[in-house]
Amino acid sequence: MPSARRACHQYASTMTLDIKEHQGGLTATIAGRLDTPSAVKAQQEITPLLENADKEIILDCEQLEYISSSGLRLFLSIRKETAAKGGKVIVEHINDDIKKVFTMTGFIKLFDVR
């Protein structure tokens, strides 16, 4: 991904996905509600993350308000690809509600949550 390239997508269910390069990898800022409709559409837009899965992928969730099981599957697909290619996924700034979901589902143990 060229350093000047940036992808920002907004979905009907009020979720935005903004992917930027950082030193050593990519940061995906996820904002709004990551529900089933937005997760299905976002799956098509995470290609830059999957193509760079050998690097560090930061999922910045500071503005993420809600995550459904489809959203969790999206996170899992990114983790699976990075594990296969030797990269790393870091989940940053999750709110207390999403942290509870991560804890109940065991995702808190699968991801480096900061």
N, C-alpha and C. Protein backbone atom coordinates (compact mmCIF):
# COMPACT_ATOMS: atom_id res chain seq x y z
N MET A 1 0.86 -1.17 0.00
CA MET A 1 0.00 0.00 0.00
C MET A 1 0.90 1.23 0.00
N PRO A 2 0.82 2.10 -1.01
CA PRO A 2 1.64 3.30 -1.03
C PRO A 2 1.35 4.19 0.17
N SER A 3 2.38 4.88 0.63
CA SER A 3 2.24 5.66 1.87
C SER A 3 1.20 6.76 1.77
N ALA A 4 0.94 7.28 0.59
CA ALA A 4 -0.04 8.36 0.45
C ALA A 4 -1.47 7.83 0.35
N ARG A 5 -1.62 6.54 0.19
CA ARG A 5 -2.94 5.95 0.00
C ARG A 5 -3.67 5.81 1.33
N ARG A 6 -4.94 6.09 1.28
CA ARG A 6 -5.77 5.99 2.47
C ARG A 6 -7.17 5.57 2.03
N ALA A 7 -7.79 4.70 2.79
CA ALA A 7 -9.13 4.25 2.46
C ALA A 7 -10.07 4.59 3.61
N CYS A 8 -11.16 5.23 3.28
CA CYS A 8 -12.16 5.56 4.30
C CYS A 8 -13.52 5.22 3.71
N HIS A 9 -14.28 4.42 4.42
CA HIS A 9 -15.58 3.98 3.94
C HIS A 9 -16.62 4.19 5.03
N GLN A 10 -17.80 4.67 4.63
CA GLN A 10 -18.90 4.82 5.58
C GLN A 10 -20.03 3.92 5.12
N TYR A 11 -20.69 3.27 6.07
CA TYR A 11 -21.72 2.31 5.75
C TYR A 11 -23.07 2.79 6.25
N ALA A 12 -24.13 2.28 5.63
CA ALA A 12 -25.49 2.71 5.95
C ALA A 12 -25.84 2.54 7.42
N SER A 13 -25.27 1.56 8.06
CA SER A 13 -25.60 1.32 9.47
C SER A 13 -24.69 2.13 10.39
N THR A 14 -24.22 3.25 9.91
CA THR A 14 -23.43 4.22 10.67
C THR A 14 -22.12 3.67 11.24
N MET A 15 -21.37 2.97 10.41
CA MET A 15 -20.04 2.51 10.79
C MET A 15 -19.07 3.06 9.76
N THR A 16 -17.93 3.53 10.22
CA THR A 16 -16.89 3.96 9.29
C THR A 16 -15.63 3.16 9.55
N LEU A 17 -14.91 2.92 8.47
CA LEU A 17 -13.65 2.19 8.52
C LEU A 17 -12.62 3.04 7.78
N ASP A 18 -11.56 3.42 8.47
CA ASP A 18 -10.53 4.28 7.90
C ASP A 18 -9.19 3.58 8.10
N ILE A 19 -8.53 3.26 7.00
CA ILE A 19 -7.27 2.52 7.05
C ILE A 19 -6.13 3.44 6.63
N LYS A 20 -5.11 3.52 7.50
CA LYS A 20 -3.93 4.35 7.23
C LYS A 20 -2.67 3.55 7.52
N GLU A 21 -1.60 3.91 6.81
CA GLU A 21 -0.31 3.29 7.10
C GLU A 21 0.31 3.94 8.31
N HIS A 22 1.03 3.15 9.10
CA HIS A 22 1.88 3.67 10.16
C HIS A 22 3.21 2.92 10.05
N GLN A 23 4.20 3.39 10.73
CA GLN A 23 5.49 2.74 10.66
C GLN A 23 5.37 1.29 11.12
N GLY A 24 5.64 0.38 10.24
CA GLY A 24 5.60 -1.03 10.57
C GLY A 24 4.28 -1.73 10.29
N GLY A 25 3.28 -1.01 9.76
CA GLY A 25 2.02 -1.68 9.47
C GLY A 25 0.89 -0.73 9.12
N LEU A 26 -0.31 -1.14 9.50
CA LEU A 26 -1.51 -0.37 9.19
C LEU A 26 -2.36 -0.16 10.44
N THR A 27 -3.08 0.95 10.46
CA THR A 27 -4.04 1.21 11.52
C THR A 27 -5.41 1.34 10.88
N ALA A 28 -6.37 0.56 11.38
CA ALA A 28 -7.75 0.66 10.94
C ALA A 28 -8.55 1.28 12.07
N THR A 29 -9.10 2.46 11.82
CA THR A 29 -9.94 3.12 12.81
C THR A 29 -11.39 2.76 12.49
N ILE A 30 -12.04 2.15 13.47
CA ILE A 30 -13.42 1.68 13.29
C ILE A 30 -14.30 2.52 14.21
N ALA A 31 -15.33 3.14 13.63
CA ALA A 31 -16.21 4.00 14.41
C ALA A 31 -17.67 3.64 14.15
N GLY A 32 -18.50 3.80 15.17
CA GLY A 32 -19.93 3.55 15.03
C GLY A 32 -20.32 2.15 15.46
N ARG A 33 -21.25 1.55 14.72
CA ARG A 33 -21.80 0.24 15.05
C ARG A 33 -21.32 -0.80 14.04
N LEU A 34 -20.58 -1.79 14.52
CA LEU A 34 -20.12 -2.88 13.67
C LEU A 34 -21.12 -4.03 13.81
N ASP A 35 -22.27 -3.82 13.15
CA ASP A 35 -23.33 -4.82 13.18
C ASP A 35 -23.25 -5.69 11.93
N THR A 36 -24.21 -6.57 11.73
CA THR A 36 -24.15 -7.51 10.62
C THR A 36 -24.06 -6.83 9.26
N PRO A 37 -24.95 -5.88 8.93
CA PRO A 37 -24.83 -5.25 7.60
C PRO A 37 -23.49 -4.56 7.37
N SER A 38 -23.01 -3.84 8.37
CA SER A 38 -21.74 -3.13 8.18
C SER A 38 -20.56 -4.10 8.16
N ALA A 39 -20.62 -5.18 8.92
CA ALA A 39 -19.54 -6.16 8.92
C ALA A 39 -19.43 -6.87 7.57
N VAL A 40 -20.57 -7.16 6.96
CA VAL A 40 -20.57 -7.81 5.64
C VAL A 40 -19.90 -6.90 4.62
N LYS A 41 -20.25 -5.63 4.64
CA LYS A 41 -19.64 -4.67 3.70
C LYS A 41 -18.18 -4.41 4.04
N ALA A 42 -17.85 -4.31 5.32
CA ALA A 42 -16.47 -4.06 5.74
C ALA A 42 -15.56 -5.21 5.36
N GLN A 43 -16.09 -6.43 5.33
CA GLN A 43 -15.29 -7.61 4.94
C GLN A 43 -14.66 -7.38 3.57
N GLN A 44 -15.37 -6.71 2.70
CA GLN A 44 -14.85 -6.44 1.36
C GLN A 44 -13.79 -5.33 1.39
N GLU A 45 -13.80 -4.51 2.40
CA GLU A 45 -12.92 -3.34 2.46
C GLU A 45 -11.65 -3.56 3.28
N ILE A 46 -11.52 -4.73 3.92
CA ILE A 46 -10.33 -4.97 4.75
C ILE A 46 -9.19 -5.60 3.96
N THR A 47 -9.33 -5.64 2.66
CA THR A 47 -8.28 -6.23 1.81
C THR A 47 -6.89 -5.68 2.12
N PRO A 48 -6.73 -4.34 2.29
CA PRO A 48 -5.38 -3.85 2.61
C PRO A 48 -4.83 -4.45 3.90
N LEU A 49 -5.69 -4.71 4.88
CA LEU A 49 -5.24 -5.32 6.12
C LEU A 49 -4.77 -6.75 5.87
N LEU A 50 -5.55 -7.49 5.11
CA LEU A 50 -5.21 -8.89 4.83
C LEU A 50 -3.96 -8.99 3.96
N GLU A 51 -3.80 -8.05 3.03
CA GLU A 51 -2.61 -8.05 2.17
C GLU A 51 -1.35 -7.71 2.95
N ASN A 52 -1.49 -7.02 4.07
CA ASN A 52 -0.36 -6.63 4.90
C ASN A 52 -0.34 -7.38 6.23
N ALA A 53 -0.90 -8.58 6.23
CA ALA A 53 -1.04 -9.36 7.46
C ALA A 53 0.28 -9.84 8.03
N ASP A 54 1.36 -9.66 7.30
CA ASP A 54 2.68 -10.02 7.82
C ASP A 54 3.26 -8.89 8.67
N LYS A 55 2.51 -7.80 8.81
CA LYS A 55 2.96 -6.64 9.58
C LYS A 55 2.08 -6.46 10.82
N GLU A 56 2.28 -5.37 11.51
CA GLU A 56 1.45 -5.03 12.67
C GLU A 56 0.17 -4.36 12.18
N ILE A 57 -0.96 -4.88 12.63
CA ILE A 57 -2.27 -4.32 12.31
C ILE A 57 -2.86 -3.80 13.62
N ILE A 58 -3.14 -2.51 13.66
CA ILE A 58 -3.78 -1.92 14.83
C ILE A 58 -5.24 -1.65 14.50
N LEU A 59 -6.13 -2.18 15.32
CA LEU A 59 -7.57 -1.91 15.18
C LEU A 59 -7.91 -0.90 16.28
N ASP A 60 -8.06 0.36 15.88
CA ASP A 60 -8.36 1.43 16.83
C ASP A 60 -9.88 1.51 17.00
N CYS A 61 -10.34 1.14 18.18
CA CYS A 61 -11.77 1.02 18.45
C CYS A 61 -12.29 2.11 19.39
N GLU A 62 -11.56 3.20 19.48
CA GLU A 62 -11.96 4.27 20.41
C GLU A 62 -13.37 4.78 20.13
N GLN A 63 -13.76 4.82 18.85
CA GLN A 63 -15.08 5.32 18.48
C GLN A 63 -16.07 4.21 18.13
N LEU A 64 -15.68 2.96 18.38
CA LEU A 64 -16.58 1.84 18.13
C LEU A 64 -17.59 1.74 19.27
N GLU A 65 -18.86 1.81 18.94
CA GLU A 65 -19.93 1.82 19.94
C GLU A 65 -20.53 0.45 20.21
N TYR A 66 -20.49 -0.42 19.20
CA TYR A 66 -21.20 -1.71 19.29
C TYR A 66 -20.51 -2.69 18.36
N ILE A 67 -20.46 -3.96 18.76
CA ILE A 67 -19.94 -5.01 17.89
C ILE A 67 -20.85 -6.24 18.00
N SER A 68 -21.29 -6.74 16.86
CA SER A 68 -22.14 -7.94 16.81
C SER A 68 -21.25 -9.16 16.59
N SER A 69 -21.87 -10.33 16.55
CA SER A 69 -21.11 -11.55 16.29
C SER A 69 -20.47 -11.49 14.89
N SER A 70 -21.12 -10.82 13.96
CA SER A 70 -20.53 -10.66 12.62
C SER A 70 -19.29 -9.78 12.69
N GLY A 71 -19.33 -8.77 13.52
CA GLY A 71 -18.17 -7.92 13.73
C GLY A 71 -17.03 -8.69 14.37
N LEU A 72 -17.36 -9.54 15.33
CA LEU A 72 -16.34 -10.38 15.96
C LEU A 72 -15.70 -11.31 14.94
N ARG A 73 -16.51 -11.85 14.02
CA ARG A 73 -15.97 -12.72 12.96
C ARG A 73 -15.00 -11.95 12.07
N LEU A 74 -15.31 -10.67 11.82
CA LEU A 74 -14.42 -9.83 11.02
C LEU A 74 -13.06 -9.69 11.72
N PHE A 75 -13.09 -9.41 13.02
CA PHE A 75 -11.85 -9.31 13.79
C PHE A 75 -11.10 -10.64 13.74
N LEU A 76 -11.83 -11.74 13.87
CA LEU A 76 -11.22 -13.07 13.86
C LEU A 76 -10.56 -13.38 12.51
N SER A 77 -11.18 -12.96 11.42
CA SER A 77 -10.60 -13.21 10.10
C SER A 77 -9.29 -12.45 9.93
N ILE A 78 -9.22 -11.25 10.49
CA ILE A 78 -7.97 -10.47 10.44
C ILE A 78 -6.90 -11.17 11.28
N ARG A 79 -7.29 -11.63 12.47
CA ARG A 79 -6.34 -12.32 13.35
C ARG A 79 -5.83 -13.61 12.70
N LYS A 80 -6.72 -14.36 12.08
CA LYS A 80 -6.34 -15.62 11.44
C LYS A 80 -5.32 -15.38 10.33
N GLU A 81 -5.55 -14.35 9.54
CA GLU A 81 -4.64 -14.04 8.44
C GLU A 81 -3.28 -13.57 8.96
N THR A 82 -3.27 -12.75 9.99
CA THR A 82 -1.99 -12.27 10.54
C THR A 82 -1.22 -13.43 11.21
N ALA A 83 -1.93 -14.32 11.87
CA ALA A 83 -1.27 -15.47 12.48
C ALA A 83 -0.62 -16.35 11.41
N ALA A 84 -1.30 -16.51 10.28
CA ALA A 84 -0.77 -17.34 9.20
C ALA A 84 0.45 -16.70 8.53
N LYS A 85 0.50 -15.37 8.52
CA LYS A 85 1.58 -14.67 7.81
C LYS A 85 2.64 -14.10 8.74
N GLY A 86 2.51 -14.34 10.05
CA GLY A 86 3.53 -13.89 10.98
C GLY A 86 3.38 -12.45 11.46
N GLY A 87 2.21 -11.86 11.24
CA GLY A 87 1.97 -10.50 11.70
C GLY A 87 1.38 -10.48 13.10
N LYS A 88 0.87 -9.32 13.48
CA LYS A 88 0.32 -9.15 14.83
C LYS A 88 -0.87 -8.21 14.76
N VAL A 89 -1.91 -8.52 15.54
CA VAL A 89 -3.08 -7.64 15.64
C VAL A 89 -3.12 -7.06 17.05
N ILE A 90 -3.27 -5.75 17.10
CA ILE A 90 -3.42 -5.04 18.38
C ILE A 90 -4.78 -4.35 18.34
N VAL A 91 -5.59 -4.55 19.37
CA VAL A 91 -6.88 -3.89 19.47
C VAL A 91 -6.74 -2.80 20.54
N GLU A 92 -6.96 -1.57 20.13
CA GLU A 92 -6.77 -0.45 21.05
C GLU A 92 -8.08 0.26 21.37
N HIS A 93 -8.14 0.79 22.58
CA HIS A 93 -9.17 1.73 23.02
C HIS A 93 -10.60 1.19 22.99
N ILE A 94 -10.82 -0.08 23.35
CA ILE A 94 -12.21 -0.56 23.37
C ILE A 94 -12.91 -0.03 24.62
N ASN A 95 -14.20 0.26 24.46
CA ASN A 95 -14.96 0.75 25.61
C ASN A 95 -15.35 -0.41 26.53
N ASP A 96 -15.91 -0.09 27.67
CA ASP A 96 -16.23 -1.12 28.66
C ASP A 96 -17.23 -2.15 28.15
N ASP A 97 -18.23 -1.72 27.37
CA ASP A 97 -19.23 -2.66 26.85
C ASP A 97 -18.59 -3.66 25.88
N ILE A 98 -17.74 -3.17 25.00
CA ILE A 98 -17.09 -4.06 24.05
C ILE A 98 -16.07 -4.94 24.76
N LYS A 99 -15.43 -4.41 25.78
CA LYS A 99 -14.50 -5.23 26.57
C LYS A 99 -15.24 -6.38 27.24
N LYS A 100 -16.47 -6.14 27.70
CA LYS A 100 -17.28 -7.22 28.28
C LYS A 100 -17.57 -8.30 27.24
N VAL A 101 -17.90 -7.88 26.01
CA VAL A 101 -18.15 -8.84 24.93
C VAL A 101 -16.88 -9.64 24.64
N PHE A 102 -15.75 -8.96 24.58
CA PHE A 102 -14.47 -9.64 24.35
C PHE A 102 -14.18 -10.64 25.47
N THR A 103 -14.48 -10.27 26.69
CA THR A 103 -14.24 -11.16 27.83
C THR A 103 -15.16 -12.37 27.78
N MET A 104 -16.45 -12.14 27.54
CA MET A 104 -17.42 -13.25 27.51
C MET A 104 -17.15 -14.23 26.38
N THR A 105 -16.65 -13.74 25.25
CA THR A 105 -16.42 -14.60 24.10
C THR A 105 -15.02 -15.20 24.06
N GLY A 106 -14.16 -14.78 24.96
CA GLY A 106 -12.79 -15.27 24.97
C GLY A 106 -11.86 -14.51 24.04
N PHE A 107 -12.38 -13.50 23.35
CA PHE A 107 -11.55 -12.71 22.43
C PHE A 107 -10.47 -11.94 23.18
N ILE A 108 -10.71 -11.66 24.44
CA ILE A 108 -9.74 -10.92 25.24
C ILE A 108 -8.42 -11.69 25.32
N LYS A 109 -8.49 -13.03 25.20
CA LYS A 109 -7.29 -13.88 25.23
C LYS A 109 -6.67 -14.06 23.84
N LEU A 110 -7.46 -13.82 22.80
CA LEU A 110 -6.98 -14.01 21.43
C LEU A 110 -6.24 -12.80 20.89
N PHE A 111 -6.53 -11.63 21.44
CA PHE A 111 -5.98 -10.38 20.91
C PHE A 111 -5.13 -9.67 21.95
N ASP A 112 -4.20 -8.89 21.47
CA ASP A 112 -3.42 -7.99 22.32
C ASP A 112 -4.30 -6.74 22.48
N VAL A 113 -5.01 -6.64 23.60
CA VAL A 113 -5.94 -5.54 23.83
C VAL A 113 -5.25 -4.50 24.71
N ARG A 114 -5.24 -3.29 24.23
CA ARG A 114 -4.58 -2.20 24.96
C ARG A 114 -5.53 -1.04 25.20
